[in-house]
C-alpha atoms as a PDB file:
ATOM      1  CA  MET A   1      -9.060  70.385 123.238  1.00  0.00           C
ATOM      2  CA  ASN A   2      -9.930  73.035 120.634  1.00  0.00           C
ATOM      3  CA  THR A   3      -6.549  74.683 121.089  1.00  0.00           C
ATOM      4  CA  PHE A   4      -4.729  71.342 120.962  1.00  0.00           C
ATOM      5  CA  VAL A   5      -6.326  70.301 117.669  1.00  0.00           C
ATOM      6  CA  THR A   6      -5.871  73.719 116.081  1.00  0.00           C
ATOM      7  CA  GLU A   7      -2.231  73.973 117.086  1.00  0.00           C
ATOM      8  CA  THR A   8      -1.494  70.382 116.020  1.00  0.00           C
ATOM      9  CA  VAL A   9      -2.910  70.938 112.539  1.00  0.00           C
ATOM     10  CA  SER A  10      -1.063  74.255 112.266  1.00  0.00           C
ATOM     11  CA  ILE A  11       2.235  72.643 113.301  1.00  0.00           C
ATOM     12  CA  LEU A  12       1.787  69.735 110.894  1.00  0.00           C
ATOM     13  CA  THR A  13       0.946  72.099 108.033  1.00  0.00           C
ATOM     14  CA  ASN A  14       4.043  74.187 108.706  1.00  0.00           C
ATOM     15  CA  ALA A  15       6.150  71.032 109.034  1.00  0.00           C
ATOM     16  CA  ALA A  16       4.765  69.730 105.730  1.00  0.00           C
ATOM     17  CA  MET A  17       5.769  72.899 103.888  1.00  0.00           C
ATOM     18  CA  LEU A  18       9.210  72.945 105.511  1.00  0.00           C
ATOM     19  CA  PHE A  19       9.779  69.292 104.636  1.00  0.00           C
ATOM     20  CA  VAL A  20       8.911  69.646 100.953  1.00  0.00           C
ATOM     21  CA  VAL A  21      11.234  72.604 100.436  1.00  0.00           C
ATOM     22  CA  ALA A  22      13.998  71.075 102.605  1.00  0.00           C
ATOM     23  CA  ALA A  23      13.677  67.702 100.855  1.00  0.00           C
ATOM     24  CA  GLY A  24      14.723  69.276  97.560  1.00  0.00           C
ATOM     25  CA  LEU A  25      17.636  71.044  99.233  1.00  0.00           C
ATOM     26  CA  THR A  26      18.916  67.942 101.016  1.00  0.00           C
ATOM     27  CA  LEU A  27      18.360  65.735  97.954  1.00  0.00           C
ATOM     28  CA  VAL A  28      20.624  67.963  95.850  1.00  0.00           C
ATOM     29  CA  PHE A  29      23.274  67.990  98.558  1.00  0.00           C
ATOM     30  CA  GLY A  30      23.063  64.240  99.072  1.00  0.00           C
ATOM     31  CA  ALA A  31      23.390  63.456  95.363  1.00  0.00           C
ATOM     32  CA  LEU A  32      25.635  66.273  94.150  1.00  0.00           C
ATOM     33  CA  ARG A  33      27.340  67.522  97.324  1.00  0.00           C
ATOM     34  CA  LEU A  34      26.116  70.962  96.314  1.00  0.00           C
ATOM     35  CA  ILE A  35      24.679  73.523  98.733  1.00  0.00           C
ATOM     36  CA  ASN A  36      22.214  75.403  96.556  1.00  0.00           C
ATOM     37  CA  MET A  37      21.703  78.909  97.910  1.00  0.00           C
ATOM     38  CA  ALA A  38      19.257  79.597  95.045  1.00  0.00           C
ATOM     39  CA  HIS A  39      16.816  76.966  96.309  1.00  0.00           C
ATOM     40  CA  GLY A  40      14.760  79.666  98.012  1.00  0.00           C
ATOM     41  CA  SER A  41      14.584  81.591  94.733  1.00  0.00           C
ATOM     42  CA  LEU A  42      12.958  78.599  93.059  1.00  0.00           C
ATOM     43  CA  PHE A  43      10.489  78.409  95.957  1.00  0.00           C
ATOM     44  CA  MET A  44       9.634  82.069  95.340  1.00  0.00           C
ATOM     45  CA  VAL A  45       9.196  81.500  91.598  1.00  0.00           C
ATOM     46  CA  GLY A  46       6.804  78.618  92.284  1.00  0.00           C
ATOM     47  CA  ALA A  47       4.696  80.734  94.635  1.00  0.00           C
ATOM     48  CA  LEU A  48       4.604  83.757  92.315  1.00  0.00           C
ATOM     49  CA  THR A  49       3.794  81.611  89.274  1.00  0.00           C
ATOM     50  CA  VAL A  50       0.766  80.176  91.046  1.00  0.00           C
ATOM     51  CA  ALA A  51      -0.254  83.668  92.155  1.00  0.00           C
ATOM     52  CA  SER A  52      -0.136  84.844  88.531  1.00  0.00           C
ATOM     53  CA  LEU A  53      -1.905  81.876  86.978  1.00  0.00           C
ATOM     54  CA  ALA A  54      -4.498  81.287  89.681  1.00  0.00           C
ATOM     55  CA  SER A  55      -5.999  84.723  89.117  1.00  0.00           C
ATOM     56  CA  GLY A  56      -7.162  83.597  85.679  1.00  0.00           C
ATOM     57  CA  LEU A  57      -8.104  80.053  86.698  1.00  0.00           C
ATOM     58  CA  THR A  58     -10.946  79.333  89.085  1.00  0.00           C
ATOM     59  CA  GLY A  59     -11.757  76.395  91.310  1.00  0.00           C
ATOM     60  CA  GLY A  60      -9.688  73.518  92.578  1.00  0.00           C
ATOM     61  CA  TRP A  61      -8.853  72.204  89.112  1.00  0.00           C
ATOM     62  CA  GLY A  62      -7.637  75.629  88.032  1.00  0.00           C
ATOM     63  CA  PHE A  63      -5.321  75.766  91.031  1.00  0.00           C
ATOM     64  CA  ALA A  64      -4.082  72.239  90.260  1.00  0.00           C
ATOM     65  CA  VAL A  65      -3.183  73.330  86.713  1.00  0.00           C
ATOM     66  CA  ALA A  66      -1.352  76.383  88.087  1.00  0.00           C
ATOM     67  CA  LEU A  67       0.498  74.208  90.606  1.00  0.00           C
ATOM     68  CA  ILE A  68       1.630  71.739  87.932  1.00  0.00           C
ATOM     69  CA  ALA A  69       2.759  74.617  85.719  1.00  0.00           C
ATOM     70  CA  ALA A  70       4.754  76.119  88.599  1.00  0.00           C
ATOM     71  CA  VAL A  71       6.466  72.808  89.359  1.00  0.00           C
ATOM     72  CA  GLY A  72       7.285  72.276  85.691  1.00  0.00           C
ATOM     73  CA  LEU A  73       8.689  75.796  85.319  1.00  0.00           C
ATOM     74  CA  CYS A  74      10.910  75.441  88.393  1.00  0.00           C
ATOM     75  CA  ALA A  75      12.146  72.008  87.285  1.00  0.00           C
ATOM     76  CA  ALA A  76      12.981  73.421  83.844  1.00  0.00           C
ATOM     77  CA  LEU A  77      14.783  76.384  85.427  1.00  0.00           C
ATOM     78  CA  GLY A  78      16.701  74.001  87.659  1.00  0.00           C
ATOM     79  CA  ALA A  79      17.796  71.897  84.683  1.00  0.00           C
ATOM     80  CA  GLY A  80      18.882  75.019  82.829  1.00  0.00           C
ATOM     81  CA  ILE A  81      20.861  76.295  85.832  1.00  0.00           C
ATOM     82  CA  GLU A  82      22.629  72.968  86.287  1.00  0.00           C
ATOM     83  CA  ILE A  83      23.514  72.620  82.609  1.00  0.00           C
ATOM     84  CA  SER A  84      24.635  76.204  82.021  1.00  0.00           C
ATOM     85  CA  ILE A  85      26.374  77.015  85.308  1.00  0.00           C
ATOM     86  CA  LEU A  86      26.685  74.321  87.956  1.00  0.00           C
ATOM     87  CA  ARG A  87      27.877  71.523  85.668  1.00  0.00           C
ATOM     88  CA  ARG A  88      31.207  73.327  85.431  1.00  0.00           C
ATOM     89  CA  LEU A  89      31.516  73.570  89.209  1.00  0.00           C
ATOM     90  CA  HIS A  90      30.903  70.005  90.426  1.00  0.00           C
ATOM     91  CA  ASP A  91      34.613  69.351  90.804  1.00  0.00           C
ATOM     92  CA  ARG A  92      35.425  72.796  92.178  1.00  0.00           C
ATOM     93  CA  GLU A  93      35.773  73.760  95.812  1.00  0.00           C
ATOM     94  CA  PRO A  94      32.518  74.375  97.764  1.00  0.00           C
ATOM     95  CA  LEU A  95      33.229  78.118  97.966  1.00  0.00           C
ATOM     96  CA  ALA A  96      32.920  78.454  94.182  1.00  0.00           C
ATOM     97  CA  GLN A  97      29.572  76.633  94.270  1.00  0.00           C
ATOM     98  CA  LEU A  98      28.310  78.840  97.089  1.00  0.00           C
ATOM     99  CA  LEU A  99      29.323  82.036  95.312  1.00  0.00           C
ATOM    100  CA  ALA A 100      27.725  80.900  92.048  1.00  0.00           C
ATOM    101  CA  THR A 101      24.397  79.965  93.636  1.00  0.00           C
ATOM    102  CA  PHE A 102      24.419  83.125  95.772  1.00  0.00           C
ATOM    103  CA  ALA A 103      24.882  85.158  92.608  1.00  0.00           C
ATOM    104  CA  LEU A 104      21.805  83.393  91.234  1.00  0.00           C
ATOM    105  CA  VAL A 105      19.880  84.551  94.315  1.00  0.00           C
ATOM    106  CA  LEU A 106      20.687  88.179  93.493  1.00  0.00           C
ATOM    107  CA  VAL A 107      19.802  87.756  89.826  1.00  0.00           C
ATOM    108  CA  ALA A 108      16.524  85.987  90.647  1.00  0.00           C
ATOM    109  CA  ALA A 109      15.544  88.676  93.160  1.00  0.00           C
ATOM    110  CA  ASP A 110      16.014  91.415  90.579  1.00  0.00           C
ATOM    111  CA  LEU A 111      14.187  89.498  87.841  1.00  0.00           C
ATOM    112  CA  ALA A 112      11.300  88.691  90.182  1.00  0.00           C
ATOM    113  CA  GLN A 113      10.775  92.378  90.918  1.00  0.00           C
ATOM    114  CA  ARG A 114      10.830  93.204  87.205  1.00  0.00           C
ATOM    115  CA  VAL A 115       8.372  90.440  86.292  1.00  0.00           C
ATOM    116  CA  TRP A 116       6.014  90.464  89.279  1.00  0.00           C
ATOM    117  CA  GLY A 117       6.621  93.876  90.834  1.00  0.00           C
ATOM    118  CA  THR A 118       7.271  94.591  94.486  1.00  0.00           C
ATOM    119  CA  SER A 119       3.755  94.151  95.900  1.00  0.00           C
ATOM    120  CA  ASP A 120       2.701  91.033  97.750  1.00  0.00           C
ATOM    121  CA  ARG A 121      -0.006  88.859  96.204  1.00  0.00           C
ATOM    122  CA  THR A 122      -2.626  86.546  97.625  1.00  0.00           C
ATOM    123  CA  VAL A 123      -4.060  83.339  96.226  1.00  0.00           C
ATOM    124  CA  ALA A 124      -7.592  82.197  96.961  1.00  0.00           C
ATOM    125  CA  THR A 125      -7.767  78.890  98.786  1.00  0.00           C
ATOM    126  CA  PRO A 126      -8.735  76.270  96.171  1.00  0.00           C
ATOM    127  CA  VAL A 127     -10.587  74.210  98.769  1.00  0.00           C
ATOM    128  CA  ALA A 128     -12.542  76.457 101.099  1.00  0.00           C
ATOM    129  CA  GLY A 129     -14.245  73.712 103.084  1.00  0.00           C
ATOM    130  CA  ARG A 130     -13.810  73.164 106.798  1.00  0.00           C
ATOM    131  CA  PHE A 131     -14.678  70.360 109.164  1.00  0.00           C
ATOM    132  CA  SER A 132     -14.866  69.898 112.886  1.00  0.00           C
ATOM    133  CA  VAL A 133     -12.472  67.774 114.946  1.00  0.00           C
ATOM    134  CA  GLY A 134     -12.875  67.670 118.698  1.00  0.00           C
ATOM    135  CA  GLY A 135     -14.814  70.914 118.570  1.00  0.00           C
ATOM    136  CA  ALA A 136     -12.128  72.717 116.541  1.00  0.00           C
ATOM    137  CA  VAL A 137     -12.743  73.884 112.970  1.00  0.00           C
ATOM    138  CA  VAL A 138      -9.948  72.726 110.629  1.00  0.00           C
ATOM    139  CA  PRO A 139      -9.467  74.012 107.044  1.00  0.00           C
ATOM    140  CA  GLU A 140      -9.498  71.215 104.486  1.00  0.00           C
ATOM    141  CA  TYR A 141      -6.658  72.783 102.529  1.00  0.00           C
ATOM    142  CA  ASP A 142      -4.302  72.305 105.486  1.00  0.00           C
ATOM    143  CA  LEU A 143      -4.844  68.560 105.175  1.00  0.00           C
ATOM    144  CA  ILE A 144      -4.115  68.780 101.447  1.00  0.00           C
ATOM    145  CA  VAL A 145      -0.743  70.402 102.200  1.00  0.00           C
ATOM    146  CA  ILE A 146       0.007  67.656 104.720  1.00  0.00           C
ATOM    147  CA  GLY A 147      -1.029  65.065 102.139  1.00  0.00           C
ATOM    148  CA  ILE A 148       1.311  66.599  99.539  1.00  0.00           C
ATOM    149  CA  ALA A 149       4.212  66.291 101.968  1.00  0.00           C
ATOM    150  CA  ALA A 150       3.323  62.670 102.735  1.00  0.00           C
ATOM    151  CA  ALA A 151       3.180  61.887  99.002  1.00  0.00           C
ATOM    152  CA  VAL A 152       6.577  63.539  98.458  1.00  0.00           C
ATOM    153  CA  ALA A 153       8.102  61.571 101.347  1.00  0.00           C
ATOM    154  CA  LEU A 154       6.736  58.276 100.009  1.00  0.00           C
ATOM    155  CA  GLY A 155       7.791  59.089  96.451  1.00  0.00           C
ATOM    156  CA  LEU A 156      11.359  59.972  97.458  1.00  0.00           C
ATOM    157  CA  TRP A 157      11.648  56.849  99.591  1.00  0.00           C
ATOM    158  CA  LEU A 158      10.495  54.661  96.706  1.00  0.00           C
ATOM    159  CA  LEU A 159      12.831  56.448  94.293  1.00  0.00           C
ATOM    160  CA  LEU A 160      15.934  56.277  96.458  1.00  0.00           C
ATOM    161  CA  ALA A 161      15.416  52.907  98.143  1.00  0.00           C
ATOM    162  CA  ARG A 162      13.532  50.819  95.594  1.00  0.00           C
ATOM    163  CA  THR A 163      14.731  51.818  92.143  1.00  0.00           C
ATOM    164  CA  ALA A 164      17.922  51.506  90.100  1.00  0.00           C
ATOM    165  CA  THR A 165      17.899  55.273  89.706  1.00  0.00           C
ATOM    166  CA  GLY A 166      18.103  55.664  93.464  1.00  0.00           C
ATOM    167  CA  TRP A 167      21.063  53.313  93.568  1.00  0.00           C
ATOM    168  CA  ARG A 168      22.774  55.373  90.878  1.00  0.00           C
ATOM    169  CA  VAL A 169      22.094  58.592  92.786  1.00  0.00           C
ATOM    170  CA  ARG A 170      23.808  57.154  95.865  1.00  0.00           C
ATOM    171  CA  ALA A 171      26.667  55.747  93.810  1.00  0.00           C
ATOM    172  CA  ALA A 172      27.189  59.109  92.107  1.00  0.00           C
ATOM    173  CA  VAL A 173      28.425  60.444  95.445  1.00  0.00           C
ATOM    174  CA  GLU A 174      30.497  57.465  96.552  1.00  0.00           C
ATOM    175  CA  ASP A 175      32.165  56.464  93.278  1.00  0.00           C
ATOM    176  CA  PRO A 176      31.187  58.595  90.262  1.00  0.00           C
ATOM    177  CA  GLU A 177      34.095  57.352  88.131  1.00  0.00           C
ATOM    178  CA  THR A 178      33.072  53.704  88.371  1.00  0.00           C
ATOM    179  CA  LEU A 179      29.441  54.623  87.765  1.00  0.00           C
ATOM    180  CA  SER A 180      30.382  56.539  84.626  1.00  0.00           C
ATOM    181  CA  VAL A 181      32.563  53.676  83.334  1.00  0.00           C
ATOM    182  CA  GLY A 182      29.610  51.337  83.888  1.00  0.00           C
ATOM    183  CA  GLY A 183      27.577  53.221  81.286  1.00  0.00           C
ATOM    184  CA  THR A 184      25.626  55.710  83.405  1.00  0.00           C
ATOM    185  CA  ASN A 185      25.305  59.183  81.931  1.00  0.00           C
ATOM    186  CA  LEU A 186      26.569  61.018  84.995  1.00  0.00           C
ATOM    187  CA  ALA A 187      25.847  64.481  83.590  1.00  0.00           C
ATOM    188  CA  LEU A 188      22.233  63.570  82.817  1.00  0.00           C
ATOM    189  CA  LEU A 189      21.807  61.997  86.265  1.00  0.00           C
ATOM    190  CA  ARG A 190      23.050  65.131  87.994  1.00  0.00           C
ATOM    191  CA  THR A 191      20.842  67.371  85.883  1.00  0.00           C
ATOM    192  CA  SER A 192      17.807  65.185  86.623  1.00  0.00           C
ATOM    193  CA  VAL A 193      18.438  65.240  90.378  1.00  0.00           C
ATOM    194  CA  PHE A 194      18.910  69.004  90.400  1.00  0.00           C
ATOM    195  CA  ALA A 195      15.744  69.473  88.339  1.00  0.00           C
ATOM    196  CA  LEU A 196      13.849  67.241  90.795  1.00  0.00           C
ATOM    197  CA  GLY A 197      15.100  69.295  93.729  1.00  0.00           C
ATOM    198  CA  ALA A 198      14.115  72.510  91.942  1.00  0.00           C
ATOM    199  CA  GLY A 199      10.686  71.065  91.193  1.00  0.00           C
ATOM    200  CA  LEU A 200      10.201  70.256  94.881  1.00  0.00           C
ATOM    201  CA  ALA A 201      11.081  73.856  95.760  1.00  0.00           C
ATOM    202  CA  GLY A 202       8.481  75.043  93.254  1.00  0.00           C
ATOM    203  CA  LEU A 203       5.931  72.592  94.641  1.00  0.00           C
ATOM    204  CA  ALA A 204       6.455  73.880  98.179  1.00  0.00           C
ATOM    205  CA  GLY A 205       6.079  77.484  97.031  1.00  0.00           C
ATOM    206  CA  ALA A 206       2.969  76.710  94.998  1.00  0.00           C
ATOM    207  CA  ALA A 207       1.346  74.740  97.818  1.00  0.00           C
ATOM    208  CA  ILE A 208       1.949  77.410 100.438  1.00  0.00           C
ATOM    209  CA  ALA A 209       0.754  80.319  98.264  1.00  0.00           C
ATOM    210  CA  PRO A 210      -2.905  80.108  99.408  1.00  0.00           C
ATOM    211  CA  LEU A 211      -1.837  80.181 103.057  1.00  0.00           C
ATOM    212  CA  GLU A 212       0.172  83.406 103.088  1.00  0.00           C
ATOM    213  CA  SER A 213       0.899  86.444 100.964  1.00  0.00           C
ATOM    214  CA  VAL A 214       3.722  85.935  98.475  1.00  0.00           C
ATOM    215  CA  GLY A 215       6.079  88.361  96.794  1.00  0.00           C
ATOM    216  CA  PRO A 216       9.735  89.155  96.125  1.00  0.00           C
ATOM    217  CA  GLY A 217      11.725  88.604  99.313  1.00  0.00           C
ATOM    218  CA  LEU A 218      10.065  85.281 100.046  1.00  0.00           C
ATOM    219  CA  ASP A 219      13.244  83.518  98.899  1.00  0.00           C
ATOM    220  CA  THR A 220      15.451  84.743 101.741  1.00  0.00           C
ATOM    221  CA  GLN A 221      12.836  83.898 104.357  1.00  0.00           C
ATOM    222  CA  ILE A 222      12.387  80.295 103.275  1.00  0.00           C
ATOM    223  CA  ILE A 223      16.034  79.463 102.546  1.00  0.00           C
ATOM    224  CA  VAL A 224      16.989  80.238 106.145  1.00  0.00           C
ATOM    225  CA  ALA A 225      14.226  77.978 107.471  1.00  0.00           C
ATOM    226  CA  ALA A 226      15.133  75.237 104.974  1.00  0.00           C
ATOM    227  CA  PHE A 227      18.783  75.309 105.994  1.00  0.00           C
ATOM    228  CA  ILE A 228      17.868  75.085 109.673  1.00  0.00           C
ATOM    229  CA  VAL A 229      15.727  72.022 108.946  1.00  0.00           C
ATOM    230  CA  THR A 230      18.406  70.303 106.864  1.00  0.00           C
ATOM    231  CA  VAL A 231      21.169  71.065 109.344  1.00  0.00           C
ATOM    232  CA  VAL A 232      19.096  69.723 112.240  1.00  0.00           C
ATOM    233  CA  GLY A 233      18.050  66.616 110.322  1.00  0.00           C
ATOM    234  CA  GLY A 234      21.413  66.080 108.665  1.00  0.00           C
ATOM    235  CA  LEU A 235      22.473  67.298 105.216  1.00  0.00           C
ATOM    236  CA  GLY A 236      21.781  64.636 102.614  1.00  0.00           C
ATOM    237  CA  SER A 237      19.161  62.725 104.622  1.00  0.00           C
ATOM    238  CA  VAL A 238      15.533  62.855 103.456  1.00  0.00           C
ATOM    239  CA  VAL A 239      14.432  61.133 106.675  1.00  0.00           C
ATOM    240  CA  GLY A 240      16.368  63.757 108.592  1.00  0.00           C
ATOM    241  CA  ALA A 241      14.618  66.511 106.636  1.00  0.00           C
ATOM    242  CA  ALA A 242      11.240  65.053 107.658  1.00  0.00           C
ATOM    243  CA  LEU A 243      12.177  64.792 111.321  1.00  0.00           C
ATOM    244  CA  GLY A 244      13.892  68.184 111.303  1.00  0.00           C
ATOM    245  CA  ALA A 245      10.791  69.801 109.797  1.00  0.00           C
ATOM    246  CA  VAL A 246       8.581  68.321 112.508  1.00  0.00           C
ATOM    247  CA  VAL A 247      10.981  69.360 115.276  1.00  0.00           C
ATOM    248  CA  ILE A 248      11.391  72.942 114.033  1.00  0.00           C
ATOM    249  CA  ALA A 249       7.675  73.405 113.312  1.00  0.00           C
ATOM    250  CA  THR A 250       6.773  72.033 116.755  1.00  0.00           C
ATOM    251  CA  VAL A 251       9.255  74.216 118.602  1.00  0.00           C
ATOM    252  CA  GLU A 252       8.195  77.334 116.684  1.00  0.00           C
ATOM    253  CA  GLY A 253       4.490  76.549 117.098  1.00  0.00           C
ATOM    254  CA  LEU A 254       4.749  75.973 120.836  1.00  0.00           C
ATOM    255  CA  GLY A 255       7.019  78.979 121.163  1.00  0.00           C
ATOM    256  CA  THR A 256       4.424  81.176 119.465  1.00  0.00           C
ATOM    257  CA  LEU A 257       1.791  79.826 121.839  1.00  0.00           C
ATOM    258  CA  TRP A 258       3.755  80.032 125.093  1.00  0.00           C
ATOM    259  CA  VAL A 259       6.567  82.578 124.648  1.00  0.00           C
ATOM    260  CA  PRO A 260       5.746  84.600 121.521  1.00  0.00           C
ATOM    261  CA  SER A 261       8.548  87.102 122.157  1.00  0.00           C
ATOM    262  CA  TYR A 262      11.166  84.374 121.636  1.00  0.00           C
ATOM    263  CA  ALA A 263       9.389  82.208 119.050  1.00  0.00           C
ATOM    264  CA  SER A 264      11.458  83.550 116.146  1.00  0.00           C
ATOM    265  CA  SER A 265      14.646  82.390 117.890  1.00  0.00           C
ATOM    266  CA  ALA A 266      13.427  78.885 118.732  1.00  0.00           C
ATOM    267  CA  GLY A 267      14.618  77.265 115.505  1.00  0.00           C
ATOM    268  CA  TYR A 268      18.098  78.731 115.864  1.00  0.00           C
ATOM    269  CA  LEU A 269      18.360  77.497 119.447  1.00  0.00           C
ATOM    270  CA  VAL A 270      17.397  73.968 118.387  1.00  0.00           C
ATOM    271  CA  MET A 271      20.001  74.058 115.611  1.00  0.00           C
ATOM    272  CA  ILE A 272      22.700  75.205 118.040  1.00  0.00           C
ATOM    273  CA  LEU A 273      21.840  72.435 120.507  1.00  0.00           C
ATOM    274  CA  VAL A 274      21.848  69.751 117.820  1.00  0.00           C
ATOM    275  CA  LEU A 275      25.151  70.947 116.369  1.00  0.00           C
ATOM    276  CA  ALA A 276      26.705  70.986 119.847  1.00  0.00           C
ATOM    277  CA  VAL A 277      25.816  67.314 120.344  1.00  0.00           C
ATOM    278  CA  ARG A 278      25.868  65.975 116.753  1.00  0.00           C
ATOM    279  CA  PRO A 279      27.611  68.384 114.349  1.00  0.00           C
ATOM    280  CA  TRP A 280      26.467  66.248 111.400  1.00  0.00           C
ATOM    281  CA  GLY A 281      22.770  66.419 112.382  1.00  0.00           C
ATOM    282  CA  LEU A 282      20.317  63.839 113.681  1.00  0.00           C
ATOM    283  CA  PHE A 283      20.427  61.553 110.639  1.00  0.00           C
ATOM    284  CA  GLY A 284      23.517  62.880 108.877  1.00  0.00           C
ATOM    285  CA  THR A 285      26.830  61.062 108.628  1.00  0.00           C
ATOM    286  CA  PRO A 286      30.136  62.498 109.846  1.00  0.00           C
ATOM    287  CA  ASP A 287      32.714  63.388 107.209  1.00  0.00           C
ATOM    288  CA  ARG A 288      35.517  60.911 106.993  1.00  0.00           C
END
C-alpha cells in the first residue's frame, strides 16, 4: 500500500508537469498551426527565473511572487517573439517555422549560459509539509503541482469552450479571413495565444523547479517529453494533452519501478504504438 500511494502521487505529479508544458505547446499548434521548437526554452527560462528570484525571497509567498514573475516574463518573451519573428511566418511553409523556432532554441541556450552560468541550481520547496496517506508519507508540494495542473486544465476548458475568445481562437484556424473581415484583430489574437502558451511553459518550469535541479540544457530534455505527450494525445487537443501526460507518466513510472533499464524508452514505445494505430493521436483529427 505504501508503494502504491507513493508511486501514484509521483506519477500524478509528473503527469501534472507534463500536461502544463504540453498544454501550451498544443494550444499554440491548435490556434496557430505552429510547432514551436522554442517552447522548451521558455520552460527553462521560467525555471531559472524562479531559481534566481527565490534565493532572495523566503517562504511560500516569496516563491509565489517568483512564480508569477517567471510566468509574466515568459509570456512577455513569447509576445515579443511572435511579434518580431513568427508573425512574418504564419503563412509560410512549416519548414520555415521550424527553422526559425529552432534557431531561437540555439540563441536561448547561449543566452541562458551567459546570464545564469552553466551550473545547475536548486530551489527550496516552498511548502515543506508532509502528510500520511495509507501509511505513506506524501509531500504537500506534490499536491500543489497537481492542483496547478487541474487549475490550468479547467481554465483552458472555460476559455476555449465557454468564451467568445475561445470561439475566435478556433475560427482563426478554420477561416481566418472571415474572422478578420468580421472585425477581429487577428494579429493581436495570435500574439495573445502565443503569449499564453509561453506563459504556460514558464509556469511549468517555475512549478517544477523545487522538485529537481535546473540549469541550461533543461530545454532540450522537456521539449522531447512535451512533443511525445502532444503527439500521443493529438496535436491541437488540450484534452489529448491531459490524457497523453497521464499515459506517458504512468508508463514511465511503472517502467522505472518494474524494468528500470528500459524506463527511458517507454514513452517512445507508446508514441510508436499510438502512431501505428492512430497517426493523428488519441484526440487529434486527421488532416483533410
